[in-house]
Structure formats: structure tokens, C-alpha cells
Amino acid sequence: MTCGPELPHPSATQHLLQAELAARWRISLRTLERWRTAGSGPDWLRLGTRIVYRLDDVLAYEQACLRQP
């Protein structure tokens, strides 16, 4: 029995929906779609009819795109 909401297991993979990633990066859904078609952008998964992005992949992609002056 727990007294509050269950927290996800620390090793549980978190996913972002297309709209969540688009909002995070302030880009359009269409841009994400073009990137998937072109084979660029972060890795993605098709789960049933949904496209999702693993948070670990998004963070790795952001790190790879980081440029130092």
C-alpha cells in the first residue's frame, strides 16, 4: 500500500510524443516529419500508430548538436 502517487522505476524509459518534442524545441510537427523522412533528427519509435521519441535519445541528440564557441 502506498500513500502517494507511484513514481516510475528509475530505469523506466521515458518517451516524448511528437507534439511534446516539437513544443520543447519550438519547431513544427511537419519539421519533425521531414526529419524522419530524411533520416535526420533524433531516433524515434513507432508504437502502434504513434511516433514517440525516447528522452535518452533526445538528450543525446541535443548533446551532439551542441556547439562551443
PDB file of N, CA and C in Angstrom:
ATOM      1  N   MET A   1       0.826  -1.176   0.000  1.00  0.00           N
ATOM      2  CA  MET A   1       0.000   0.000   0.000  1.00  0.00           C
ATOM      3  C   MET A   1       0.876   1.247   0.000  1.00  0.00           C
ATOM      4  N   THR A   2       0.542   2.207  -0.843  1.00  0.00           N
ATOM      5  CA  THR A   2       1.314   3.436  -0.907  1.00  0.00           C
ATOM      6  C   THR A   2       0.448   4.618  -0.500  1.00  0.00           C
ATOM      7  N   CYS A   3       1.093   5.658  -0.027  1.00  0.00           N
ATOM      8  CA  CYS A   3       0.369   6.848   0.436  1.00  0.00           C
ATOM      9  C   CYS A   3       0.293   7.936  -0.619  1.00  0.00           C
ATOM     10  N   GLY A   4       1.020   7.831  -1.687  1.00  0.00           N
ATOM     11  CA  GLY A   4       1.037   8.870  -2.713  1.00  0.00           C
ATOM     12  C   GLY A   4       1.107   8.249  -4.085  1.00  0.00           C
ATOM     13  N   PRO A   5       1.279   9.082  -5.100  1.00  0.00           N
ATOM     14  CA  PRO A   5       1.375   8.540  -6.458  1.00  0.00           C
ATOM     15  C   PRO A   5       2.638   7.710  -6.613  1.00  0.00           C
ATOM     16  N   GLU A   6       2.516   6.666  -7.394  1.00  0.00           N
ATOM     17  CA  GLU A   6       3.680   5.828  -7.652  1.00  0.00           C
ATOM     18  C   GLU A   6       4.634   6.550  -8.582  1.00  0.00           C
ATOM     19  N   LEU A   7       5.900   6.497  -8.241  1.00  0.00           N
ATOM     20  CA  LEU A   7       6.925   7.087  -9.090  1.00  0.00           C
ATOM     21  C   LEU A   7       7.407   6.030 -10.067  1.00  0.00           C
ATOM     22  N   PRO A   8       7.782   6.447 -11.287  1.00  0.00           N
ATOM     23  CA  PRO A   8       8.288   5.452 -12.242  1.00  0.00           C
ATOM     24  C   PRO A   8       9.587   4.847 -11.742  1.00  0.00           C
ATOM     25  N   HIS A   9       9.803   3.619 -12.122  1.00  0.00           N
ATOM     26  CA  HIS A   9      11.049   2.947 -11.789  1.00  0.00           C
ATOM     27  C   HIS A   9      12.196   3.747 -12.389  1.00  0.00           C
ATOM     28  N   PRO A  10      13.317   3.915 -11.662  1.00  0.00           N
ATOM     29  CA  PRO A  10      14.418   4.737 -12.174  1.00  0.00           C
ATOM     30  C   PRO A  10      14.926   4.323 -13.549  1.00  0.00           C
ATOM     31  N   SER A  11      14.815   3.028 -13.878  1.00  0.00           N
ATOM     32  CA  SER A  11      15.306   2.574 -15.177  1.00  0.00           C
ATOM     33  C   SER A  11      14.218   2.604 -16.255  1.00  0.00           C
ATOM     34  N   ALA A  12      13.018   3.066 -15.892  1.00  0.00           N
ATOM     35  CA  ALA A  12      11.926   3.122 -16.874  1.00  0.00           C
ATOM     36  C   ALA A  12      12.256   4.155 -17.953  1.00  0.00           C
ATOM     37  N   THR A  13      12.061   3.769 -19.199  1.00  0.00           N
ATOM     38  CA  THR A  13      12.317   4.668 -20.313  1.00  0.00           C
ATOM     39  C   THR A  13      11.171   5.658 -20.435  1.00  0.00           C
ATOM     40  N   GLN A  14      11.517   6.922 -20.521  1.00  0.00           N
ATOM     41  CA  GLN A  14      10.507   7.951 -20.712  1.00  0.00           C
ATOM     42  C   GLN A  14      10.450   8.314 -22.190  1.00  0.00           C
ATOM     43  N   HIS A  15       9.240   8.599 -22.662  1.00  0.00           N
ATOM     44  CA  HIS A  15       9.032   8.926 -24.067  1.00  0.00           C
ATOM     45  C   HIS A  15       8.380  10.292 -24.211  1.00  0.00           C
ATOM     46  N   LEU A  16       8.678  10.952 -25.312  1.00  0.00           N
ATOM     47  CA  LEU A  16       8.028  12.202 -25.676  1.00  0.00           C
ATOM     48  C   LEU A  16       7.198  11.952 -26.924  1.00  0.00           C
ATOM     49  N   LEU A  17       5.987  12.458 -26.933  1.00  0.00           N
ATOM     50  CA  LEU A  17       5.179  12.426 -28.136  1.00  0.00           C
ATOM     51  C   LEU A  17       5.711  13.471 -29.108  1.00  0.00           C
ATOM     52  N   GLN A  18       5.320  13.352 -30.381  1.00  0.00           N
ATOM     53  CA  GLN A  18       5.771  14.323 -31.389  1.00  0.00           C
ATOM     54  C   GLN A  18       5.476  15.750 -30.957  1.00  0.00           C
ATOM     55  N   ALA A  19       4.262  15.979 -30.482  1.00  0.00           N
ATOM     56  CA  ALA A  19       3.865  17.340 -30.092  1.00  0.00           C
ATOM     57  C   ALA A  19       4.692  17.840 -28.914  1.00  0.00           C
ATOM     58  N   GLU A  20       5.047  16.946 -28.005  1.00  0.00           N
ATOM     59  CA  GLU A  20       5.862  17.348 -26.858  1.00  0.00           C
ATOM     60  C   GLU A  20       7.267  17.735 -27.289  1.00  0.00           C
ATOM     61  N   LEU A  21       7.848  16.965 -28.220  1.00  0.00           N
ATOM     62  CA  LEU A  21       9.182  17.301 -28.708  1.00  0.00           C
ATOM     63  C   LEU A  21       9.151  18.584 -29.535  1.00  0.00           C
ATOM     64  N   ALA A  22       8.142  18.733 -30.362  1.00  0.00           N
ATOM     65  CA  ALA A  22       8.008  19.958 -31.153  1.00  0.00           C
ATOM     66  C   ALA A  22       7.893  21.176 -30.236  1.00  0.00           C
ATOM     67  N   ALA A  23       7.130  21.063 -29.165  1.00  0.00           N
ATOM     68  CA  ALA A  23       6.992  22.170 -28.218  1.00  0.00           C
ATOM     69  C   ALA A  23       8.306  22.423 -27.489  1.00  0.00           C
ATOM     70  N   ARG A  24       9.017  21.369 -27.125  1.00  0.00           N
ATOM     71  CA  ARG A  24      10.301  21.505 -26.426  1.00  0.00           C
ATOM     72  C   ARG A  24      11.288  22.299 -27.266  1.00  0.00           C
ATOM     73  N   TRP A  25      11.315  22.005 -28.575  1.00  0.00           N
ATOM     74  CA  TRP A  25      12.274  22.653 -29.462  1.00  0.00           C
ATOM     75  C   TRP A  25      11.684  23.846 -30.216  1.00  0.00           C
ATOM     76  N   ARG A  26      10.399  24.103 -30.002  1.00  0.00           N
ATOM     77  CA  ARG A  26       9.708  25.206 -30.678  1.00  0.00           C
ATOM     78  C   ARG A  26       9.831  25.103 -32.201  1.00  0.00           C
ATOM     79  N   ILE A  27       9.530  23.902 -32.691  1.00  0.00           N
ATOM     80  CA  ILE A  27       9.506  23.651 -34.128  1.00  0.00           C
ATOM     81  C   ILE A  27       8.152  23.043 -34.470  1.00  0.00           C
ATOM     82  N   SER A  28       7.841  22.963 -35.748  1.00  0.00           N
ATOM     83  CA  SER A  28       6.549  22.414 -36.160  1.00  0.00           C
ATOM     84  C   SER A  28       6.595  20.882 -36.203  1.00  0.00           C
ATOM     85  N   LEU A  29       5.415  20.290 -36.122  1.00  0.00           N
ATOM     86  CA  LEU A  29       5.313  18.838 -36.291  1.00  0.00           C
ATOM     87  C   LEU A  29       5.808  18.440 -37.668  1.00  0.00           C
ATOM     88  N   ARG A  30       5.529  19.277 -38.654  1.00  0.00           N
ATOM     89  CA  ARG A  30       5.954  18.998 -40.032  1.00  0.00           C
ATOM     90  C   ARG A  30       7.477  18.906 -40.130  1.00  0.00           C
ATOM     91  N   THR A  31       8.187  19.742 -39.381  1.00  0.00           N
ATOM     92  CA  THR A  31       9.650  19.670 -39.385  1.00  0.00           C
ATOM     93  C   THR A  31      10.113  18.316 -38.874  1.00  0.00           C
ATOM     94  N   LEU A  32       9.523  17.839 -37.785  1.00  0.00           N
ATOM     95  CA  LEU A  32       9.880  16.501 -37.278  1.00  0.00           C
ATOM     96  C   LEU A  32       9.575  15.425 -38.313  1.00  0.00           C
ATOM     97  N   GLU A  33       8.442  15.553 -38.990  1.00  0.00           N
ATOM     98  CA  GLU A  33       8.087  14.584 -40.033  1.00  0.00           C
ATOM     99  C   GLU A  33       9.109  14.604 -41.166  1.00  0.00           C
ATOM    100  N   ARG A  34       9.527  15.786 -41.584  1.00  0.00           N
ATOM    101  CA  ARG A  34      10.538  15.889 -42.649  1.00  0.00           C
ATOM    102  C   ARG A  34      11.855  15.275 -42.208  1.00  0.00           C
ATOM    103  N   TRP A  35      12.253  15.539 -40.976  1.00  0.00           N
ATOM    104  CA  TRP A  35      13.497  14.966 -40.465  1.00  0.00           C
ATOM    105  C   TRP A  35      13.430  13.447 -40.456  1.00  0.00           C
ATOM    106  N   ARG A  36      12.284  12.872 -40.045  1.00  0.00           N
ATOM    107  CA  ARG A  36      12.163  11.407 -40.045  1.00  0.00           C
ATOM    108  C   ARG A  36      12.283  10.860 -41.456  1.00  0.00           C
ATOM    109  N   THR A  37      11.620  11.510 -42.410  1.00  0.00           N
ATOM    110  CA  THR A  37      11.672  11.062 -43.802  1.00  0.00           C
ATOM    111  C   THR A  37      13.096  11.140 -44.350  1.00  0.00           C
ATOM    112  N   ALA A  38      13.817  12.200 -43.971  1.00  0.00           N
ATOM    113  CA  ALA A  38      15.184  12.408 -44.452  1.00  0.00           C
ATOM    114  C   ALA A  38      16.208  11.572 -43.687  1.00  0.00           C
ATOM    115  N   GLY A  39      15.780  10.950 -42.587  1.00  0.00           N
ATOM    116  CA  GLY A  39      16.714  10.146 -41.797  1.00  0.00           C
ATOM    117  C   GLY A  39      17.588  10.984 -40.885  1.00  0.00           C
ATOM    118  N   SER A  40      17.164  12.207 -40.586  1.00  0.00           N
ATOM    119  CA  SER A  40      17.928  13.046 -39.659  1.00  0.00           C
ATOM    120  C   SER A  40      17.116  13.238 -38.388  1.00  0.00           C
ATOM    121  N   GLY A  41      17.656  14.005 -37.463  1.00  0.00           N
ATOM    122  CA  GLY A  41      16.962  14.208 -36.194  1.00  0.00           C
ATOM    123  C   GLY A  41      17.220  13.043 -35.258  1.00  0.00           C
ATOM    124  N   PRO A  42      16.602  13.080 -34.083  1.00  0.00           N
ATOM    125  CA  PRO A  42      16.818  12.010 -33.105  1.00  0.00           C
ATOM    126  C   PRO A  42      16.133  10.710 -33.522  1.00  0.00           C
ATOM    127  N   ASP A  43      16.619   9.609 -32.978  1.00  0.00           N
ATOM    128  CA  ASP A  43      15.984   8.311 -33.216  1.00  0.00           C
ATOM    129  C   ASP A  43      14.553   8.352 -32.695  1.00  0.00           C
ATOM    130  N   TRP A  44      13.684   7.549 -33.316  1.00  0.00           N
ATOM    131  CA  TRP A  44      12.271   7.533 -32.949  1.00  0.00           C
ATOM    132  C   TRP A  44      11.743   6.117 -33.007  1.00  0.00           C
ATOM    133  N   LEU A  45      10.589   5.921 -32.389  1.00  0.00           N
ATOM    134  CA  LEU A  45       9.932   4.615 -32.373  1.00  0.00           C
ATOM    135  C   LEU A  45       8.501   4.765 -32.857  1.00  0.00           C
ATOM    136  N   ARG A  46       8.007   3.753 -33.544  1.00  0.00           N
ATOM    137  CA  ARG A  46       6.584   3.692 -33.871  1.00  0.00           C
ATOM    138  C   ARG A  46       5.978   2.663 -32.920  1.00  0.00           C
ATOM    139  N   LEU A  47       5.095   3.144 -32.041  1.00  0.00           N
ATOM    140  CA  LEU A  47       4.399   2.272 -31.108  1.00  0.00           C
ATOM    141  C   LEU A  47       2.940   2.245 -31.522  1.00  0.00           C
ATOM    142  N   GLY A  48       2.569   1.201 -32.232  1.00  0.00           N
ATOM    143  CA  GLY A  48       1.221   1.153 -32.810  1.00  0.00           C
ATOM    144  C   GLY A  48       1.133   2.193 -33.904  1.00  0.00           C
ATOM    145  N   THR A  49       0.264   3.156 -33.718  1.00  0.00           N
ATOM    146  CA  THR A  49       0.120   4.231 -34.713  1.00  0.00           C
ATOM    147  C   THR A  49       0.814   5.510 -34.262  1.00  0.00           C
ATOM    148  N   ARG A  50       1.413   5.487 -33.074  1.00  0.00           N
ATOM    149  CA  ARG A  50       2.052   6.695 -32.548  1.00  0.00           C
ATOM    150  C   ARG A  50       3.541   6.704 -32.815  1.00  0.00           C
ATOM    151  N   ILE A  51       4.070   7.893 -33.041  1.00  0.00           N
ATOM    152  CA  ILE A  51       5.512   8.106 -33.124  1.00  0.00           C
ATOM    153  C   ILE A  51       5.934   8.704 -31.797  1.00  0.00           C
ATOM    154  N   VAL A  52       6.942   8.107 -31.171  1.00  0.00           N
ATOM    155  CA  VAL A  52       7.453   8.623 -29.910  1.00  0.00           C
ATOM    156  C   VAL A  52       8.976   8.695 -29.976  1.00  0.00           C
ATOM    157  N   TYR A  53       9.515   9.531 -29.120  1.00  0.00           N
ATOM    158  CA  TYR A  53      10.958   9.715 -29.018  1.00  0.00           C
ATOM    159  C   TYR A  53      11.378   9.386 -27.590  1.00  0.00           C
ATOM    160  N   ARG A  54      12.381   8.522 -27.445  1.00  0.00           N
ATOM    161  CA  ARG A  54      12.889   8.224 -26.107  1.00  0.00           C
ATOM    162  C   ARG A  54      13.635   9.451 -25.601  1.00  0.00           C
ATOM    163  N   LEU A  55      13.392   9.818 -24.360  1.00  0.00           N
ATOM    164  CA  LEU A  55      14.024  11.002 -23.793  1.00  0.00           C
ATOM    165  C   LEU A  55      15.540  10.880 -23.839  1.00  0.00           C
ATOM    166  N   ASP A  56      16.081   9.698 -23.593  1.00  0.00           N
ATOM    167  CA  ASP A  56      17.533   9.500 -23.662  1.00  0.00           C
ATOM    168  C   ASP A  56      18.072   9.820 -25.051  1.00  0.00           C
ATOM    169  N   ASP A  57      17.336   9.438 -26.104  1.00  0.00           N
ATOM    170  CA  ASP A  57      17.766   9.730 -27.479  1.00  0.00           C
ATOM    171  C   ASP A  57      17.700  11.224 -27.770  1.00  0.00           C
ATOM    172  N   VAL A  58      16.665  11.882 -27.266  1.00  0.00           N
ATOM    173  CA  VAL A  58      16.524  13.326 -27.463  1.00  0.00           C
ATOM    174  C   VAL A  58      17.678  14.056 -26.782  1.00  0.00           C
ATOM    175  N   LEU A  59      17.986  13.673 -25.542  1.00  0.00           N
ATOM    176  CA  LEU A  59      19.085  14.315 -24.819  1.00  0.00           C
ATOM    177  C   LEU A  59      20.426  14.075 -25.513  1.00  0.00           C
ATOM    178  N   ALA A  60      20.633  12.866 -26.031  1.00  0.00           N
ATOM    179  CA  ALA A  60      21.874  12.555 -26.752  1.00  0.00           C
ATOM    180  C   ALA A  60      21.971  13.385 -28.033  1.00  0.00           C
ATOM    181  N   TYR A  61      20.857  13.548 -28.740  1.00  0.00           N
ATOM    182  CA  TYR A  61      20.844  14.350 -29.956  1.00  0.00           C
ATOM    183  C   TYR A  61      21.142  15.819 -29.632  1.00  0.00           C
ATOM    184  N   GLU A  62      20.535  16.333 -28.579  1.00  0.00           N
ATOM    185  CA  GLU A  62      20.808  17.708 -28.175  1.00  0.00           C
ATOM    186  C   GLU A  62      22.291  17.885 -27.847  1.00  0.00           C
ATOM    187  N   GLN A  63      22.861  16.921 -27.147  1.00  0.00           N
ATOM    188  CA  GLN A  63      24.286  16.995 -26.796  1.00  0.00           C
ATOM    189  C   GLN A  63      25.160  16.957 -28.047  1.00  0.00           C
ATOM    190  N   ALA A  64      24.797  16.121 -29.009  1.00  0.00           N
ATOM    191  CA  ALA A  64      25.574  16.009 -30.245  1.00  0.00           C
ATOM    192  C   ALA A  64      25.498  17.291 -31.073  1.00  0.00           C
ATOM    193  N   CYS A  65      24.404  18.025 -30.948  1.00  0.00           N
ATOM    194  CA  CYS A  65      24.233  19.261 -31.700  1.00  0.00           C
ATOM    195  C   CYS A  65      24.852  20.469 -31.009  1.00  0.00           C
ATOM    196  N   LEU A  66      25.292  20.296 -29.774  1.00  0.00           N
ATOM    197  CA  LEU A  66      25.855  21.397 -29.010  1.00  0.00           C
ATOM    198  C   LEU A  66      27.146  21.887 -29.652  1.00  0.00           C
ATOM    199  N   ARG A  67      27.237  23.175 -29.864  1.00  0.00           N
ATOM    200  CA  ARG A  67      28.434  23.777 -30.450  1.00  0.00           C
ATOM    201  C   ARG A  67      29.055  24.732 -29.443  1.00  0.00           C
ATOM    202  N   GLN A  68      30.351  24.628 -29.290  1.00  0.00           N
ATOM    203  CA  GLN A  68      31.090  25.517 -28.382  1.00  0.00           C
ATOM    204  C   GLN A  68      31.709  26.643 -29.198  1.00  0.00           C
ATOM    205  N   PRO A  69      31.691  27.857 -28.675  1.00  0.00           N
ATOM    206  CA  PRO A  69      32.287  28.995 -29.410  1.00  0.00           C
ATOM    207  C   PRO A  69      33.795  28.875 -29.499  1.00  0.00           C
TER     208      PRO A  69
END
